[in-house]
Amino acid sequence: DNQLKNTDDALKYYAIAIDLFRRLQNETNLIQVEVAQSLLLEQVGRGREALPLIADGSEYAKRHNLRPLEFGAYLEAAQIYYTNGDLDPARKELEAAESMVRPGPHDSEIGNQGVMGLYGRLADIYKALGIPTRELIMIDKEFFVAVHLNDEKAQGLVVNYLDQRLRELRIREVAEQRQKQGRLSES
């Protein structure tokens, strides 16, 4: 039904399958169906309806230590919130995803591209929320991952964007002013 663009029937069958797997206590198949249903809901512009399914997937992933699935669930939920203009819940989801990233230059289990994308999304959220310090920190983290990946194109894009944001925020002028005032640590 999904392939035939018969969305209503596909959603009805997903609901039946979810109910069946819940009654059978088959958690693995239940999560697979919930993920498929949430993706379909997102495709047809009904992402808000997918949020409880994504939360179920996230909880399942936590219980079974499936870091990539949990990380992806946070990103999906954040995207839905962001698309709907709900920036604070989007920020909370992305910060939850960030808390999963292992320290160091890379996280092979989650994937460096996903980590780099997370930092870019967080920078966008902080910019929209008017939190420039955190925005700049996320841009720096995004650049660090791009350097680790030897992705010169991404590095160039991040540096250009950072330069643009530093000009917009007048960071260089503020730092220079603080230096002239003898407030070097603030500078």
Protein backbone atom coordinates (compact mmCIF):
# COMPACT_ATOMS: atom_id res chain seq x y z
CA ASP A 1 0.00 0.00 0.00
CA ASN A 2 2.85 2.37 0.75
CA GLN A 3 4.41 1.77 -2.67
CA LEU A 4 1.02 2.15 -4.35
CA LYS A 5 0.58 5.49 -2.54
CA ASN A 6 -2.40 4.11 -0.65
CA THR A 7 -1.28 5.78 2.58
CA ASP A 8 -4.46 5.36 4.59
CA ASP A 9 -4.52 1.60 4.05
CA ALA A 10 -0.81 1.31 4.79
CA LEU A 11 -1.25 3.20 8.07
CA LYS A 12 -4.23 1.01 8.95
CA TYR A 13 -2.18 -2.16 8.38
CA TYR A 14 0.73 -0.75 10.37
CA ALA A 15 -1.66 -0.11 13.29
CA ILE A 16 -2.92 -3.69 13.08
CA ALA A 17 0.65 -5.05 13.00
CA ILE A 18 1.66 -2.86 15.95
CA ASP A 19 -1.29 -4.09 17.98
CA LEU A 20 -0.50 -7.71 17.09
CA PHE A 21 3.21 -7.48 17.95
CA ARG A 22 2.38 -5.67 21.19
CA ARG A 23 0.01 -8.47 22.22
CA LEU A 24 2.59 -11.10 21.23
CA GLN A 25 5.23 -9.13 23.14
CA ASN A 26 7.49 -9.30 20.11
CA GLU A 27 9.43 -6.13 20.76
CA THR A 28 11.85 -6.49 17.84
CA ASN A 29 9.12 -6.70 15.19
CA LEU A 30 7.08 -4.06 17.00
CA ILE A 31 9.91 -1.54 16.72
CA GLN A 32 10.48 -2.38 13.05
CA VAL A 33 6.84 -1.68 12.25
CA GLU A 34 6.81 1.49 14.35
CA VAL A 35 9.88 2.78 12.53
CA ALA A 36 8.28 2.02 9.14
CA GLN A 37 5.04 3.71 10.18
CA SER A 38 6.85 6.78 11.51
CA LEU A 39 8.79 7.13 8.25
CA LEU A 40 5.56 6.95 6.27
CA LEU A 41 3.93 9.55 8.52
CA GLU A 42 6.90 11.85 7.99
CA GLN A 43 6.77 11.34 4.21
CA VAL A 44 3.13 12.39 4.06
CA GLY A 45 3.66 15.46 6.24
CA ARG A 46 2.20 14.04 9.45
CA GLY A 47 5.40 14.01 11.45
CA ARG A 48 3.77 15.03 14.72
CA GLU A 49 1.87 11.73 14.71
CA ALA A 50 5.19 9.93 14.38
CA LEU A 51 6.68 11.44 17.57
CA PRO A 52 5.25 8.79 19.97
CA LEU A 53 6.50 6.03 17.65
CA ILE A 54 9.95 7.62 17.54
CA ALA A 55 9.95 7.88 21.35
CA ASP A 56 9.11 4.15 21.56
CA GLY A 57 12.03 3.41 19.24
CA SER A 58 14.34 5.55 21.32
CA GLU A 59 13.34 3.78 24.54
CA TYR A 60 13.79 0.37 22.89
CA ALA A 61 17.23 1.42 21.67
CA LYS A 62 18.21 2.59 25.18
CA ARG A 63 17.11 -0.69 26.74
CA HIS A 64 19.06 -2.74 24.21
CA ASN A 65 22.08 -0.43 23.98
CA LEU A 66 21.53 0.26 20.28
CA ARG A 67 23.31 3.60 20.11
CA PRO A 68 22.88 4.26 16.36
CA LEU A 69 19.12 3.65 16.56
CA GLU A 70 18.75 5.87 19.62
CA PHE A 71 20.89 8.60 18.02
CA GLY A 72 18.81 8.45 14.85
CA ALA A 73 15.57 8.64 16.83
CA TYR A 74 16.71 11.85 18.48
CA LEU A 75 17.66 13.33 15.11
CA GLU A 76 14.30 12.36 13.57
CA ALA A 77 12.31 13.83 16.44
CA ALA A 78 14.39 17.02 16.30
CA GLN A 79 13.76 17.34 12.56
CA ILE A 80 10.01 17.05 13.08
CA TYR A 81 10.05 19.68 15.82
CA TYR A 82 12.31 21.97 13.78
CA THR A 83 10.11 21.67 10.70
CA ASN A 84 7.11 22.69 12.80
CA GLY A 85 8.99 25.67 14.27
CA ASP A 86 9.25 24.12 17.76
CA LEU A 87 12.86 25.11 18.37
CA ASP A 88 13.17 24.35 22.09
CA PRO A 89 11.98 20.72 21.83
CA ALA A 90 14.22 20.34 18.74
CA ARG A 91 17.17 21.66 20.76
CA LYS A 92 16.44 19.21 23.60
CA GLU A 93 16.37 16.25 21.20
CA LEU A 94 19.62 17.33 19.54
CA GLU A 95 21.30 17.85 22.91
CA ALA A 96 20.21 14.34 23.90
CA ALA A 97 21.84 13.06 20.71
CA GLU A 98 24.97 15.08 21.43
CA SER A 99 25.22 13.52 24.89
CA MET A 100 25.59 10.14 23.19
CA VAL A 101 28.65 11.13 21.14
CA ARG A 102 31.79 9.59 22.54
CA PRO A 103 34.61 12.03 23.29
CA GLY A 104 37.50 12.18 20.91
CA PRO A 105 37.93 12.81 17.24
CA HIS A 106 35.38 10.27 16.10
CA ASP A 107 32.54 7.94 17.00
CA SER A 108 32.73 4.93 14.73
CA GLU A 109 29.53 3.36 16.02
CA ILE A 110 27.30 6.38 15.32
CA GLY A 111 29.32 7.54 12.33
CA ASN A 112 31.33 10.68 11.85
CA GLN A 113 29.04 12.08 9.14
CA GLY A 114 26.08 11.82 11.52
CA VAL A 115 28.06 13.52 14.29
CA MET A 116 29.13 16.31 11.94
CA GLY A 117 25.51 16.79 10.83
CA LEU A 118 24.39 16.88 14.46
CA TYR A 119 26.76 19.74 15.22
CA GLY A 120 25.57 21.66 12.17
CA ARG A 121 21.94 21.22 13.19
CA LEU A 122 22.67 22.30 16.76
CA ALA A 123 24.47 25.39 15.45
CA ASP A 124 21.38 26.26 13.39
CA ILE A 125 19.11 25.81 16.41
CA TYR A 126 21.33 27.93 18.67
CA LYS A 127 21.45 30.62 15.99
CA ALA A 128 17.66 30.63 15.72
CA LEU A 129 17.35 30.74 19.53
CA GLY A 130 19.84 33.60 19.79
CA ILE A 131 22.54 31.70 21.71
CA PRO A 132 25.66 32.69 19.72
CA THR A 133 28.25 31.27 22.14
CA ARG A 134 26.84 27.76 21.85
CA GLU A 135 26.34 28.23 18.11
CA LEU A 136 30.03 29.03 17.64
CA ILE A 137 31.06 26.06 19.81
CA MET A 138 28.99 23.72 17.61
CA ILE A 139 30.53 25.19 14.46
CA ASP A 140 33.97 24.53 15.97
CA LYS A 141 33.01 20.94 16.78
CA GLU A 142 31.65 20.47 13.26
CA PHE A 143 34.95 21.74 11.85
CA PHE A 144 36.93 19.39 14.13
CA VAL A 145 35.02 16.37 12.78
CA ALA A 146 35.50 17.59 9.18
CA VAL A 147 39.26 17.82 9.83
CA HIS A 148 39.26 14.30 11.26
CA LEU A 149 37.44 13.06 8.15
CA ASN A 150 39.90 14.91 5.88
CA ASP A 151 36.83 16.40 4.18
CA GLU A 152 38.33 19.54 2.66
CA LYS A 153 35.06 20.62 1.08
CA ALA A 154 33.21 20.45 4.41
CA GLN A 155 36.12 22.21 6.12
CA GLY A 156 35.95 25.04 3.60
CA LEU A 157 32.20 25.41 3.98
CA VAL A 158 32.42 25.45 7.77
CA VAL A 159 35.28 27.98 7.81
CA ASN A 160 33.43 30.27 5.40
CA TYR A 161 30.25 30.03 7.47
CA LEU A 162 32.19 30.66 10.69
CA ASP A 163 33.86 33.71 9.17
CA GLN A 164 30.46 35.03 8.07
CA ARG A 165 28.97 34.50 11.56
CA LEU A 166 31.97 36.15 13.26
CA ARG A 167 31.41 39.21 11.04
CA GLU A 168 27.67 39.23 11.69
CA LEU A 169 28.18 38.95 15.44
CA ARG A 170 31.03 41.51 15.36
CA ILE A 171 33.15 39.17 17.46
CA ARG A 172 36.46 40.55 16.23
CA GLU A 173 35.50 44.11 17.11
CA VAL A 174 34.32 43.10 20.58
CA ALA A 175 37.51 41.14 21.21
CA GLU A 176 39.66 44.05 20.03
CA GLN A 177 37.72 46.44 22.27
CA ARG A 178 38.24 44.16 25.28
CA GLN A 179 41.99 44.01 24.53
CA LYS A 180 42.20 47.82 24.43
CA GLN A 181 40.39 47.95 27.77
CA GLY A 182 42.93 45.56 29.26
CA ARG A 183 40.40 42.77 29.69
CA LEU A 184 42.45 40.11 27.96
CA SER A 185 40.68 37.09 29.44
CA GLU A 186 37.33 38.36 28.08
CA SER A 187 38.97 39.09 24.76
